[in-house]
Amino acid sequence: MSSDPHPEESNRTIRAVDLFCGAGGLSWGLVEALKDVAMTIPQPTRAVLEETIDLVGVNHWERAIETHAANHPWARHFHDDIQNVNPREVFDECDPTVTILSGGIECTVPIFSSFQ
């Protein structure tokens, strides 16, 4: 008999899509919040957490995708307009469930021009 009251949920993958992912701040916060999930898995490590969370970042700006990929190398990335990406289609066709759909505010101000 298992001591886990929800054994089927212990092996469940959390599928998260971060729209307008930018550098990955919202994704980072999501991962930090989900560390509680990793604590339910024996020997919680970053690798276990990364296997538990299937993270997808979407952004139309190539530099944002490159930065997000550097900050979250285990995530999948889509360099495209969010209108062209169906979050359910980025996951396994057998189970296209999206557990968490997040989206930051699109940055429309050229903030980086002031650093040049």
PDB file of N, CA and C in Angstrom:
ATOM      1  N   MET A   1       0.844  -1.184   0.000  1.00  0.00           N
ATOM      2  CA  MET A   1       0.000   0.000   0.000  1.00  0.00           C
ATOM      3  C   MET A   1       0.884   1.240   0.000  1.00  0.00           C
ATOM      4  N   SER A   2       0.592   2.161  -0.866  1.00  0.00           N
ATOM      5  CA  SER A   2       1.370   3.389  -0.986  1.00  0.00           C
ATOM      6  C   SER A   2       0.965   4.382   0.087  1.00  0.00           C
ATOM      7  N   SER A   3       1.958   5.130   0.600  1.00  0.00           N
ATOM      8  CA  SER A   3       1.655   6.164   1.582  1.00  0.00           C
ATOM      9  C   SER A   3       1.223   7.459   0.904  1.00  0.00           C
ATOM     10  N   ASP A   4       1.373   7.527  -0.395  1.00  0.00           N
ATOM     11  CA  ASP A   4       0.985   8.708  -1.153  1.00  0.00           C
ATOM     12  C   ASP A   4      -0.517   8.654  -1.405  1.00  0.00           C
ATOM     13  N   PRO A   5      -1.291   9.657  -0.914  1.00  0.00           N
ATOM     14  CA  PRO A   5      -2.740   9.622  -1.114  1.00  0.00           C
ATOM     15  C   PRO A   5      -3.154   9.800  -2.574  1.00  0.00           C
ATOM     16  N   HIS A   6      -2.254  10.323  -3.408  1.00  0.00           N
ATOM     17  CA  HIS A   6      -2.543  10.526  -4.826  1.00  0.00           C
ATOM     18  C   HIS A   6      -1.373  10.020  -5.658  1.00  0.00           C
ATOM     19  N   PRO A   7      -1.117   8.704  -5.679  1.00  0.00           N
ATOM     20  CA  PRO A   7       0.068   8.195  -6.368  1.00  0.00           C
ATOM     21  C   PRO A   7       0.095   8.521  -7.853  1.00  0.00           C
ATOM     22  N   GLU A   8      -1.082   8.598  -8.479  1.00  0.00           N
ATOM     23  CA  GLU A   8      -1.101   8.893  -9.907  1.00  0.00           C
ATOM     24  C   GLU A   8      -0.630  10.310 -10.191  1.00  0.00           C
ATOM     25  N   GLU A   9      -0.761  11.216  -9.209  1.00  0.00           N
ATOM     26  CA  GLU A   9      -0.338  12.593  -9.416  1.00  0.00           C
ATOM     27  C   GLU A   9       1.156  12.781  -9.199  1.00  0.00           C
ATOM     28  N   SER A  10       1.817  11.859  -8.515  1.00  0.00           N
ATOM     29  CA  SER A  10       3.241  11.991  -8.262  1.00  0.00           C
ATOM     30  C   SER A  10       4.055  11.923  -9.540  1.00  0.00           C
ATOM     31  N   ASN A  11       3.561  11.189 -10.534  1.00  0.00           N
ATOM     32  CA  ASN A  11       4.288  11.037 -11.784  1.00  0.00           C
ATOM     33  C   ASN A  11       3.748  11.960 -12.879  1.00  0.00           C
ATOM     34  N   ARG A  12       2.862  12.818 -12.526  1.00  0.00           N
ATOM     35  CA  ARG A  12       2.225  13.687 -13.508  1.00  0.00           C
ATOM     36  C   ARG A  12       3.175  14.793 -13.956  1.00  0.00           C
ATOM     37  N   THR A  13       3.235  14.997 -15.239  1.00  0.00           N
ATOM     38  CA  THR A  13       4.025  16.082 -15.788  1.00  0.00           C
ATOM     39  C   THR A  13       3.186  17.349 -15.795  1.00  0.00           C
ATOM     40  N   ILE A  14       3.769  18.427 -15.334  1.00  0.00           N
ATOM     41  CA  ILE A  14       3.104  19.723 -15.363  1.00  0.00           C
ATOM     42  C   ILE A  14       3.492  20.385 -16.674  1.00  0.00           C
ATOM     43  N   ARG A  15       2.509  20.691 -17.486  1.00  0.00           N
ATOM     44  CA  ARG A  15       2.769  21.296 -18.790  1.00  0.00           C
ATOM     45  C   ARG A  15       2.455  22.785 -18.712  1.00  0.00           C
ATOM     46  N   ALA A  16       3.493  23.592 -18.862  1.00  0.00           N
ATOM     47  CA  ALA A  16       3.346  25.037 -18.731  1.00  0.00           C
ATOM     48  C   ALA A  16       3.774  25.736 -20.015  1.00  0.00           C
ATOM     49  N   VAL A  17       2.966  26.687 -20.439  1.00  0.00           N
ATOM     50  CA  VAL A  17       3.285  27.503 -21.605  1.00  0.00           C
ATOM     51  C   VAL A  17       3.392  28.948 -21.138  1.00  0.00           C
ATOM     52  N   ASP A  18       4.517  29.586 -21.459  1.00  0.00           N
ATOM     53  CA  ASP A  18       4.759  30.983 -21.103  1.00  0.00           C
ATOM     54  C   ASP A  18       4.732  31.806 -22.388  1.00  0.00           C
ATOM     55  N   LEU A  19       3.623  32.536 -22.589  1.00  0.00           N
ATOM     56  CA  LEU A  19       3.488  33.398 -23.758  1.00  0.00           C
ATOM     57  C   LEU A  19       4.193  34.724 -23.491  1.00  0.00           C
ATOM     58  N   PHE A  20       4.758  35.335 -24.511  1.00  0.00           N
ATOM     59  CA  PHE A  20       5.590  36.532 -24.348  1.00  0.00           C
ATOM     60  C   PHE A  20       6.653  36.255 -23.289  1.00  0.00           C
ATOM     61  N   CYS A  21       7.350  35.128 -23.436  1.00  0.00           N
ATOM     62  CA  CYS A  21       8.232  34.621 -22.379  1.00  0.00           C
ATOM     63  C   CYS A  21       9.399  35.537 -22.042  1.00  0.00           C
ATOM     64  N   GLY A  22       9.788  36.409 -22.947  1.00  0.00           N
ATOM     65  CA  GLY A  22      10.885  37.332 -22.653  1.00  0.00           C
ATOM     66  C   GLY A  22      12.126  36.594 -22.199  1.00  0.00           C
ATOM     67  N   ALA A  23      12.811  37.155 -21.216  1.00  0.00           N
ATOM     68  CA  ALA A  23      14.037  36.539 -20.699  1.00  0.00           C
ATOM     69  C   ALA A  23      13.748  35.347 -19.797  1.00  0.00           C
ATOM     70  N   GLY A  24      12.512  35.209 -19.353  1.00  0.00           N
ATOM     71  CA  GLY A  24      12.140  34.043 -18.561  1.00  0.00           C
ATOM     72  C   GLY A  24      11.827  34.319 -17.110  1.00  0.00           C
ATOM     73  N   GLY A  25      11.583  35.561 -16.758  1.00  0.00           N
ATOM     74  CA  GLY A  25      11.267  35.893 -15.367  1.00  0.00           C
ATOM     75  C   GLY A  25       9.999  35.220 -14.873  1.00  0.00           C
ATOM     76  N   LEU A  26       8.957  35.252 -15.681  1.00  0.00           N
ATOM     77  CA  LEU A  26       7.703  34.597 -15.299  1.00  0.00           C
ATOM     78  C   LEU A  26       7.892  33.089 -15.234  1.00  0.00           C
ATOM     79  N   SER A  27       8.657  32.544 -16.180  1.00  0.00           N
ATOM     80  CA  SER A  27       8.959  31.105 -16.155  1.00  0.00           C
ATOM     81  C   SER A  27       9.734  30.748 -14.897  1.00  0.00           C
ATOM     82  N   TRP A  28      10.699  31.583 -14.530  1.00  0.00           N
ATOM     83  CA  TRP A  28      11.496  31.325 -13.331  1.00  0.00           C
ATOM     84  C   TRP A  28      10.596  31.307 -12.096  1.00  0.00           C
ATOM     85  N   GLY A  29       9.695  32.285 -11.995  1.00  0.00           N
ATOM     86  CA  GLY A  29       8.768  32.322 -10.872  1.00  0.00           C
ATOM     87  C   GLY A  29       7.881  31.097 -10.832  1.00  0.00           C
ATOM     88  N   LEU A  30       7.454  30.648 -11.993  1.00  0.00           N
ATOM     89  CA  LEU A  30       6.639  29.443 -12.090  1.00  0.00           C
ATOM     90  C   LEU A  30       7.405  28.233 -11.578  1.00  0.00           C
ATOM     91  N   VAL A  31       8.648  28.088 -12.021  1.00  0.00           N
ATOM     92  CA  VAL A  31       9.476  26.959 -11.586  1.00  0.00           C
ATOM     93  C   VAL A  31       9.702  27.021 -10.077  1.00  0.00           C
ATOM     94  N   GLU A  32       9.989  28.206  -9.562  1.00  0.00           N
ATOM     95  CA  GLU A  32      10.197  28.350  -8.118  1.00  0.00           C
ATOM     96  C   GLU A  32       8.934  27.954  -7.344  1.00  0.00           C
ATOM     97  N   ALA A  33       7.779  28.381  -7.837  1.00  0.00           N
ATOM     98  CA  ALA A  33       6.519  28.045  -7.166  1.00  0.00           C
ATOM     99  C   ALA A  33       6.240  26.549  -7.210  1.00  0.00           C
ATOM    100  N   LEU A  34       6.692  25.897  -8.265  1.00  0.00           N
ATOM    101  CA  LEU A  34       6.429  24.466  -8.416  1.00  0.00           C
ATOM    102  C   LEU A  34       7.447  23.590  -7.700  1.00  0.00           C
ATOM    103  N   LYS A  35       8.397  24.192  -7.003  1.00  0.00           N
ATOM    104  CA  LYS A  35       9.347  23.387  -6.238  1.00  0.00           C
ATOM    105  C   LYS A  35       8.633  22.551  -5.172  1.00  0.00           C
ATOM    106  N   ASP A  36       7.500  23.030  -4.705  1.00  0.00           N
ATOM    107  CA  ASP A  36       6.718  22.241  -3.748  1.00  0.00           C
ATOM    108  C   ASP A  36       6.305  20.911  -4.365  1.00  0.00           C
ATOM    109  N   VAL A  37       6.027  20.924  -5.661  1.00  0.00           N
ATOM    110  CA  VAL A  37       5.683  19.688  -6.358  1.00  0.00           C
ATOM    111  C   VAL A  37       6.882  18.752  -6.336  1.00  0.00           C
ATOM    112  N   ALA A  38       8.056  19.292  -6.597  1.00  0.00           N
ATOM    113  CA  ALA A  38       9.271  18.471  -6.620  1.00  0.00           C
ATOM    114  C   ALA A  38       9.561  17.868  -5.250  1.00  0.00           C
ATOM    115  N   MET A  39       9.142  18.542  -4.195  1.00  0.00           N
ATOM    116  CA  MET A  39       9.389  18.032  -2.843  1.00  0.00           C
ATOM    117  C   MET A  39       8.602  16.758  -2.572  1.00  0.00           C
ATOM    118  N   THR A  40       7.583  16.481  -3.366  1.00  0.00           N
ATOM    119  CA  THR A  40       6.809  15.253  -3.183  1.00  0.00           C
ATOM    120  C   THR A  40       7.457  14.075  -3.894  1.00  0.00           C
ATOM    121  N   ILE A  41       8.509  14.355  -4.649  1.00  0.00           N
ATOM    122  CA  ILE A  41       9.213  13.322  -5.399  1.00  0.00           C
ATOM    123  C   ILE A  41      10.465  12.940  -4.619  1.00  0.00           C
ATOM    124  N   PRO A  42      10.773  11.656  -4.474  1.00  0.00           N
ATOM    125  CA  PRO A  42      11.988  11.261  -3.755  1.00  0.00           C
ATOM    126  C   PRO A  42      13.224  11.928  -4.343  1.00  0.00           C
ATOM    127  N   GLN A  43      14.127  12.323  -3.475  1.00  0.00           N
ATOM    128  CA  GLN A  43      15.378  12.978  -3.845  1.00  0.00           C
ATOM    129  C   GLN A  43      15.142  14.146  -4.806  1.00  0.00           C
ATOM    130  N   PRO A  44      14.426  15.164  -4.330  1.00  0.00           N
ATOM    131  CA  PRO A  44      14.150  16.283  -5.233  1.00  0.00           C
ATOM    132  C   PRO A  44      15.434  17.004  -5.638  1.00  0.00           C
ATOM    133  N   THR A  45      15.641  17.081  -6.900  1.00  0.00           N
ATOM    134  CA  THR A  45      16.785  17.794  -7.454  1.00  0.00           C
ATOM    135  C   THR A  45      16.297  18.618  -8.622  1.00  0.00           C
ATOM    136  N   ARG A  46      17.159  19.477  -9.106  1.00  0.00           N
ATOM    137  CA  ARG A  46      16.780  20.286 -10.266  1.00  0.00           C
ATOM    138  C   ARG A  46      16.422  19.376 -11.447  1.00  0.00           C
ATOM    139  N   ALA A  47      17.185  18.299 -11.619  1.00  0.00           N
ATOM    140  CA  ALA A  47      16.915  17.387 -12.734  1.00  0.00           C
ATOM    141  C   ALA A  47      15.527  16.775 -12.610  1.00  0.00           C
ATOM    142  N   VAL A  48      15.139  16.401 -11.391  1.00  0.00           N
ATOM    143  CA  VAL A  48      13.809  15.828 -11.180  1.00  0.00           C
ATOM    144  C   VAL A  48      12.750  16.877 -11.481  1.00  0.00           C
ATOM    145  N   LEU A  49      12.991  18.101 -11.023  1.00  0.00           N
ATOM    146  CA  LEU A  49      12.041  19.176 -11.276  1.00  0.00           C
ATOM    147  C   LEU A  49      11.890  19.411 -12.771  1.00  0.00           C
ATOM    148  N   GLU A  50      13.016  19.382 -13.487  1.00  0.00           N
ATOM    149  CA  GLU A  50      12.963  19.610 -14.920  1.00  0.00           C
ATOM    150  C   GLU A  50      12.216  18.494 -15.640  1.00  0.00           C
ATOM    151  N   GLU A  51      12.263  17.283 -15.098  1.00  0.00           N
ATOM    152  CA  GLU A  51      11.508  16.183 -15.693  1.00  0.00           C
ATOM    153  C   GLU A  51      10.028  16.282 -15.356  1.00  0.00           C
ATOM    154  N   THR A  52       9.696  16.981 -14.279  1.00  0.00           N
ATOM    155  CA  THR A  52       8.322  17.131 -13.836  1.00  0.00           C
ATOM    156  C   THR A  52       7.606  18.246 -14.591  1.00  0.00           C
ATOM    157  N   ILE A  53       8.361  19.282 -14.984  1.00  0.00           N
ATOM    158  CA  ILE A  53       7.774  20.430 -15.663  1.00  0.00           C
ATOM    159  C   ILE A  53       8.181  20.424 -17.130  1.00  0.00           C
ATOM    160  N   ASP A  54       7.192  20.397 -17.984  1.00  0.00           N
ATOM    161  CA  ASP A  54       7.418  20.518 -19.420  1.00  0.00           C
ATOM    162  C   ASP A  54       7.109  21.972 -19.758  1.00  0.00           C
ATOM    163  N   LEU A  55       8.153  22.790 -19.864  1.00  0.00           N
ATOM    164  CA  LEU A  55       8.006  24.229 -20.048  1.00  0.00           C
ATOM    165  C   LEU A  55       8.220  24.611 -21.505  1.00  0.00           C
ATOM    166  N   VAL A  56       7.329  25.454 -21.996  1.00  0.00           N
ATOM    167  CA  VAL A  56       7.422  25.965 -23.362  1.00  0.00           C
ATOM    168  C   VAL A  56       7.395  27.486 -23.302  1.00  0.00           C
ATOM    169  N   GLY A  57       8.356  28.108 -23.954  1.00  0.00           N
ATOM    170  CA  GLY A  57       8.394  29.563 -24.055  1.00  0.00           C
ATOM    171  C   GLY A  57       8.068  29.995 -25.474  1.00  0.00           C
ATOM    172  N   VAL A  58       7.232  31.022 -25.593  1.00  0.00           N
ATOM    173  CA  VAL A  58       6.847  31.538 -26.908  1.00  0.00           C
ATOM    174  C   VAL A  58       7.080  33.041 -26.924  1.00  0.00           C
ATOM    175  N   ASN A  59       7.767  33.513 -27.957  1.00  0.00           N
ATOM    176  CA  ASN A  59       7.967  34.948 -28.122  1.00  0.00           C
ATOM    177  C   ASN A  59       8.262  35.236 -29.587  1.00  0.00           C
ATOM    178  N   HIS A  60       7.830  36.397 -30.034  1.00  0.00           N
ATOM    179  CA  HIS A  60       8.045  36.792 -31.428  1.00  0.00           C
ATOM    180  C   HIS A  60       9.418  37.435 -31.643  1.00  0.00           C
ATOM    181  N   TRP A  61      10.115  37.768 -30.562  1.00  0.00           N
ATOM    182  CA  TRP A  61      11.405  38.447 -30.660  1.00  0.00           C
ATOM    183  C   TRP A  61      12.528  37.432 -30.465  1.00  0.00           C
ATOM    184  N   GLU A  62      13.374  37.288 -31.458  1.00  0.00           N
ATOM    185  CA  GLU A  62      14.428  36.274 -31.431  1.00  0.00           C
ATOM    186  C   GLU A  62      15.363  36.431 -30.232  1.00  0.00           C
ATOM    187  N   ARG A  63      15.729  37.657 -29.890  1.00  0.00           N
ATOM    188  CA  ARG A  63      16.631  37.873 -28.752  1.00  0.00           C
ATOM    189  C   ARG A  63      15.998  37.385 -27.440  1.00  0.00           C
ATOM    190  N   ALA A  64      14.700  37.576 -27.302  1.00  0.00           N
ATOM    191  CA  ALA A  64      14.013  37.095 -26.099  1.00  0.00           C
ATOM    192  C   ALA A  64      14.076  35.572 -26.018  1.00  0.00           C
ATOM    193  N   ILE A  65      13.852  34.912 -27.143  1.00  0.00           N
ATOM    194  CA  ILE A  65      13.912  33.444 -27.165  1.00  0.00           C
ATOM    195  C   ILE A  65      15.321  32.966 -26.839  1.00  0.00           C
ATOM    196  N   GLU A  66      16.333  33.624 -27.392  1.00  0.00           N
ATOM    197  CA  GLU A  66      17.722  33.248 -27.104  1.00  0.00           C
ATOM    198  C   GLU A  66      18.031  33.397 -25.615  1.00  0.00           C
ATOM    199  N   THR A  67      17.551  34.485 -25.017  1.00  0.00           N
ATOM    200  CA  THR A  67      17.796  34.721 -23.592  1.00  0.00           C
ATOM    201  C   THR A  67      17.032  33.723 -22.738  1.00  0.00           C
ATOM    202  N   HIS A  68      15.780  33.463 -23.099  1.00  0.00           N
ATOM    203  CA  HIS A  68      14.982  32.482 -22.360  1.00  0.00           C
ATOM    204  C   HIS A  68      15.647  31.114 -22.439  1.00  0.00           C
ATOM    205  N   ALA A  69      16.157  30.758 -23.613  1.00  0.00           N
ATOM    206  CA  ALA A  69      16.832  29.465 -23.784  1.00  0.00           C
ATOM    207  C   ALA A  69      18.098  29.384 -22.937  1.00  0.00           C
ATOM    208  N   ALA A  70      18.800  30.491 -22.786  1.00  0.00           N
ATOM    209  CA  ALA A  70      19.992  30.500 -21.932  1.00  0.00           C
ATOM    210  C   ALA A  70      19.610  30.334 -20.466  1.00  0.00           C
ATOM    211  N   ASN A  71      18.496  30.933 -20.065  1.00  0.00           N
ATOM    212  CA  ASN A  71      18.045  30.845 -18.673  1.00  0.00           C
ATOM    213  C   ASN A  71      17.296  29.557 -18.360  1.00  0.00           C
ATOM    214  N   HIS A  72      16.692  28.962 -19.361  1.00  0.00           N
ATOM    215  CA  HIS A  72      15.907  27.732 -19.198  1.00  0.00           C
ATOM    216  C   HIS A  72      16.265  26.767 -20.330  1.00  0.00           C
ATOM    217  N   PRO A  73      17.484  26.228 -20.322  1.00  0.00           N
ATOM    218  CA  PRO A  73      17.933  25.396 -21.447  1.00  0.00           C
ATOM    219  C   PRO A  73      17.147  24.103 -21.633  1.00  0.00           C
ATOM    220  N   TRP A  74      16.462  23.651 -20.616  1.00  0.00           N
ATOM    221  CA  TRP A  74      15.691  22.413 -20.694  1.00  0.00           C
ATOM    222  C   TRP A  74      14.287  22.632 -21.251  1.00  0.00           C
ATOM    223  N   ALA A  75      13.890  23.893 -21.438  1.00  0.00           N
ATOM    224  CA  ALA A  75      12.558  24.193 -21.973  1.00  0.00           C
ATOM    225  C   ALA A  75      12.578  24.116 -23.500  1.00  0.00           C
ATOM    226  N   ARG A  76      11.395  24.034 -24.070  1.00  0.00           N
ATOM    227  CA  ARG A  76      11.260  24.114 -25.527  1.00  0.00           C
ATOM    228  C   ARG A  76      10.870  25.542 -25.884  1.00  0.00           C
ATOM    229  N   HIS A  77      11.310  25.992 -27.035  1.00  0.00           N
ATOM    230  CA  HIS A  77      11.108  27.389 -27.399  1.00  0.00           C
ATOM    231  C   HIS A  77      10.522  27.523 -28.798  1.00  0.00           C
ATOM    232  N   PHE A  78       9.636  28.500 -28.930  1.00  0.00           N
ATOM    233  CA  PHE A  78       9.021  28.798 -30.212  1.00  0.00           C
ATOM    234  C   PHE A  78       9.222  30.275 -30.511  1.00  0.00           C
ATOM    235  N   HIS A  79       9.981  30.551 -31.549  1.00  0.00           N
ATOM    236  CA  HIS A  79      10.187  31.920 -32.014  1.00  0.00           C
ATOM    237  C   HIS A  79       9.109  32.195 -33.044  1.00  0.00           C
ATOM    238  N   ASP A  80       7.998  32.723 -32.570  1.00  0.00           N
ATOM    239  CA  ASP A  80       6.859  32.957 -33.451  1.00  0.00           C
ATOM    240  C   ASP A  80       5.879  33.883 -32.737  1.00  0.00           C
ATOM    241  N   ASP A  81       4.975  34.442 -33.487  1.00  0.00           N
ATOM    242  CA  ASP A  81       3.890  35.232 -32.924  1.00  0.00           C
ATOM    243  C   ASP A  81       2.966  34.277 -32.176  1.00  0.00           C
ATOM    244  N   ILE A  82       2.483  34.691 -31.010  1.00  0.00           N
ATOM    245  CA  ILE A  82       1.642  33.776 -30.225  1.00  0.00           C
ATOM    246  C   ILE A  82       0.357  33.406 -30.950  1.00  0.00           C
ATOM    247  N   GLN A  83      -0.065  34.218 -31.905  1.00  0.00           N
ATOM    248  CA  GLN A  83      -1.266  33.893 -32.674  1.00  0.00           C
ATOM    249  C   GLN A  83      -1.049  32.690 -33.582  1.00  0.00           C
ATOM    250  N   ASN A  84       0.210  32.351 -33.833  1.00  0.00           N
ATOM    251  CA  ASN A  84       0.531  31.227 -34.710  1.00  0.00           C
ATOM    252  C   ASN A  84       0.840  29.941 -33.952  1.00  0.00           C
ATOM    253  N   VAL A  85       0.822  29.997 -32.625  1.00  0.00           N
ATOM    254  CA  VAL A  85       1.175  28.825 -31.815  1.00  0.00           C
ATOM    255  C   VAL A  85      -0.027  28.431 -30.968  1.00  0.00           C
ATOM    256  N   ASN A  86      -0.518  27.224 -31.184  1.00  0.00           N
ATOM    257  CA  ASN A  86      -1.599  26.684 -30.364  1.00  0.00           C
ATOM    258  C   ASN A  86      -0.945  25.931 -29.210  1.00  0.00           C
ATOM    259  N   PRO A  87      -1.080  26.428 -27.966  1.00  0.00           N
ATOM    260  CA  PRO A  87      -0.408  25.775 -26.834  1.00  0.00           C
ATOM    261  C   PRO A  87      -0.659  24.277 -26.739  1.00  0.00           C
ATOM    262  N   ARG A  88      -1.854  23.830 -27.100  1.00  0.00           N
ATOM    263  CA  ARG A  88      -2.155  22.395 -27.016  1.00  0.00           C
ATOM    264  C   ARG A  88      -1.416  21.581 -28.069  1.00  0.00           C
ATOM    265  N   GLU A  89      -1.023  22.219 -29.153  1.00  0.00           N
ATOM    266  CA  GLU A  89      -0.339  21.496 -30.221  1.00  0.00           C
ATOM    267  C   GLU A  89       1.153  21.314 -29.966  1.00  0.00           C
ATOM    268  N   VAL A  90       1.703  21.985 -28.962  1.00  0.00           N
ATOM    269  CA  VAL A  90       3.137  21.835 -28.693  1.00  0.00           C
ATOM    270  C   VAL A  90       3.430  20.621 -27.822  1.00  0.00           C
ATOM    271  N   PHE A  91       2.388  20.009 -27.287  1.00  0.00           N
ATOM    272  CA  PHE A  91       2.558  18.841 -26.439  1.00  0.00           C
ATOM    273  C   PHE A  91       2.168  17.571 -27.177  1.00  0.00           C
ATOM    274  N   ASP A  92       2.414  16.460 -26.539  1.00  0.00           N
ATOM    275  CA  ASP A  92       2.120  15.139 -27.092  1.00  0.00           C
ATOM    276  C   ASP A  92       0.667  15.066 -27.556  1.00  0.00           C
ATOM    277  N   GLU A  93       0.478  14.557 -28.757  1.00  0.00           N
ATOM    278  CA  GLU A  93      -0.873  14.442 -29.299  1.00  0.00           C
ATOM    279  C   GLU A  93      -1.760  13.537 -28.455  1.00  0.00           C
ATOM    280  N   CYS A  94      -1.165  12.590 -27.731  1.00  0.00           N
ATOM    281  CA  CYS A  94      -1.948  11.683 -26.893  1.00  0.00           C
ATOM    282  C   CYS A  94      -2.532  12.405 -25.686  1.00  0.00           C
ATOM    283  N   ASP A  95      -1.840  13.446 -25.213  1.00  0.00           N
ATOM    284  CA  ASP A  95      -2.321  14.213 -24.065  1.00  0.00           C
ATOM    285  C   ASP A  95      -1.920  15.672 -24.251  1.00  0.00           C
ATOM    286  N   PRO A  96      -2.749  16.441 -24.952  1.00  0.00           N
ATOM    287  CA  PRO A  96      -2.402  17.829 -25.228  1.00  0.00           C
ATOM    288  C   PRO A  96      -2.766  18.795 -24.098  1.00  0.00           C
ATOM    289  N   THR A  97      -3.010  18.269 -22.905  1.00  0.00           N
ATOM    290  CA  THR A  97      -3.431  19.097 -21.791  1.00  0.00           C
ATOM    291  C   THR A  97      -2.373  20.135 -21.431  1.00  0.00           C
ATOM    292  N   VAL A  98      -2.801  21.368 -21.271  1.00  0.00           N
ATOM    293  CA  VAL A  98      -1.938  22.435 -20.770  1.00  0.00           C
ATOM    294  C   VAL A  98      -2.338  22.654 -19.320  1.00  0.00           C
ATOM    295  N   THR A  99      -1.396  22.429 -18.397  1.00  0.00           N
ATOM    296  CA  THR A  99      -1.695  22.589 -16.979  1.00  0.00           C
ATOM    297  C   THR A  99      -1.731  24.061 -16.599  1.00  0.00           C
ATOM    298  N   ILE A 100      -0.735  24.811 -17.066  1.00  0.00           N
ATOM    299  CA  ILE A 100      -0.622  26.229 -16.728  1.00  0.00           C
ATOM    300  C   ILE A 100      -0.345  27.019 -18.004  1.00  0.00           C
ATOM    301  N   LEU A 101      -1.156  28.021 -18.245  1.00  0.00           N
ATOM    302  CA  LEU A 101      -0.940  28.934 -19.356  1.00  0.00           C
ATOM    303  C   LEU A 101      -0.695  30.311 -18.756  1.00  0.00           C
ATOM    304  N   SER A 102       0.509  30.825 -18.967  1.00  0.00           N
ATOM    305  CA  SER A 102       0.839  32.134 -18.410  1.00  0.00           C
ATOM    306  C   SER A 102       1.247  33.066 -19.534  1.00  0.00           C
ATOM    307  N   GLY A 103       1.101  34.329 -19.285  1.00  0.00           N
ATOM    308  CA  GLY A 103       1.507  35.303 -20.289  1.00  0.00           C
ATOM    309  C   GLY A 103       1.804  36.634 -19.645  1.00  0.00           C
ATOM    310  N   GLY A 104       3.007  37.087 -19.867  1.00  0.00           N
ATOM    311  CA  GLY A 104       3.375  38.410 -19.377  1.00  0.00           C
ATOM    312  C   GLY A 104       2.847  39.471 -20.332  1.00  0.00           C
ATOM    313  N   ILE A 105       2.985  40.681 -19.919  1.00  0.00           N
ATOM    314  CA  ILE A 105       2.567  41.795 -20.758  1.00  0.00           C
ATOM    315  C   ILE A 105       3.612  41.989 -21.846  1.00  0.00           C
ATOM    316  N   GLU A 106       3.157  42.109 -23.076  1.00  0.00           N
ATOM    317  CA  GLU A 106       4.083  42.312 -24.184  1.00  0.00           C
ATOM    318  C   GLU A 106       4.801  43.643 -24.012  1.00  0.00           C
ATOM    319  N   CYS A 107       6.114  43.595 -24.157  1.00  0.00           N
ATOM    320  CA  CYS A 107       6.921  44.808 -24.055  1.00  0.00           C
ATOM    321  C   CYS A 107       6.913  45.496 -25.411  1.00  0.00           C
ATOM    322  N   THR A 108       6.251  46.630 -25.496  1.00  0.00           N
ATOM    323  CA  THR A 108       6.162  47.337 -26.773  1.00  0.00           C
ATOM    324  C   THR A 108       7.066  48.562 -26.812  1.00  0.00           C
ATOM    325  N   VAL A 109       7.737  48.851 -25.716  1.00  0.00           N
ATOM    326  CA  VAL A 109       8.634  50.005 -25.645  1.00  0.00           C
ATOM    327  C   VAL A 109      10.055  49.527 -25.895  1.00  0.00           C
ATOM    328  N   PRO A 110      10.789  50.163 -26.785  1.00  0.00           N
ATOM    329  CA  PRO A 110      12.169  49.726 -27.063  1.00  0.00           C
ATOM    330  C   PRO A 110      13.118  50.110 -25.927  1.00  0.00           C
ATOM    331  N   ILE A 111      13.018  49.403 -24.806  1.00  0.00           N
ATOM    332  CA  ILE A 111      13.796  49.751 -23.614  1.00  0.00           C
ATOM    333  C   ILE A 111      15.288  49.549 -23.810  1.00  0.00           C
ATOM    334  N   PHE A 112      15.675  48.676 -24.717  1.00  0.00           N
ATOM    335  CA  PHE A 112      17.089  48.381 -24.887  1.00  0.00           C
ATOM    336  C   PHE A 112      17.826  49.479 -25.635  1.00  0.00           C
ATOM    337  N   SER A 113      17.109  50.340 -26.335  1.00  0.00           N
ATOM    338  CA  SER A 113      17.773  51.395 -27.093  1.00  0.00           C
ATOM    339  C   SER A 113      18.473  52.388 -26.179  1.00  0.00           C
ATOM    340  N   SER A 114      18.010  52.525 -24.945  1.00  0.00           N
ATOM    341  CA  SER A 114      18.644  53.466 -24.018  1.00  0.00           C
ATOM    342  C   SER A 114      19.978  52.953 -23.500  1.00  0.00           C
ATOM    343  N   PHE A 115      20.285  51.669 -23.711  1.00  0.00           N
ATOM    344  CA  PHE A 115      21.546  51.107 -23.240  1.00  0.00           C
ATOM    345  C   PHE A 115      22.640  51.147 -24.301  1.00  0.00           C
ATOM    346  N   GLN A 116      22.326  51.604 -25.482  1.00  0.00           N
ATOM    347  CA  GLN A 116      23.310  51.600 -26.571  1.00  0.00           C
ATOM    348  C   GLN A 116      24.214  52.809 -26.504  1.00  0.00           C
TER     349      GLN A 116
END
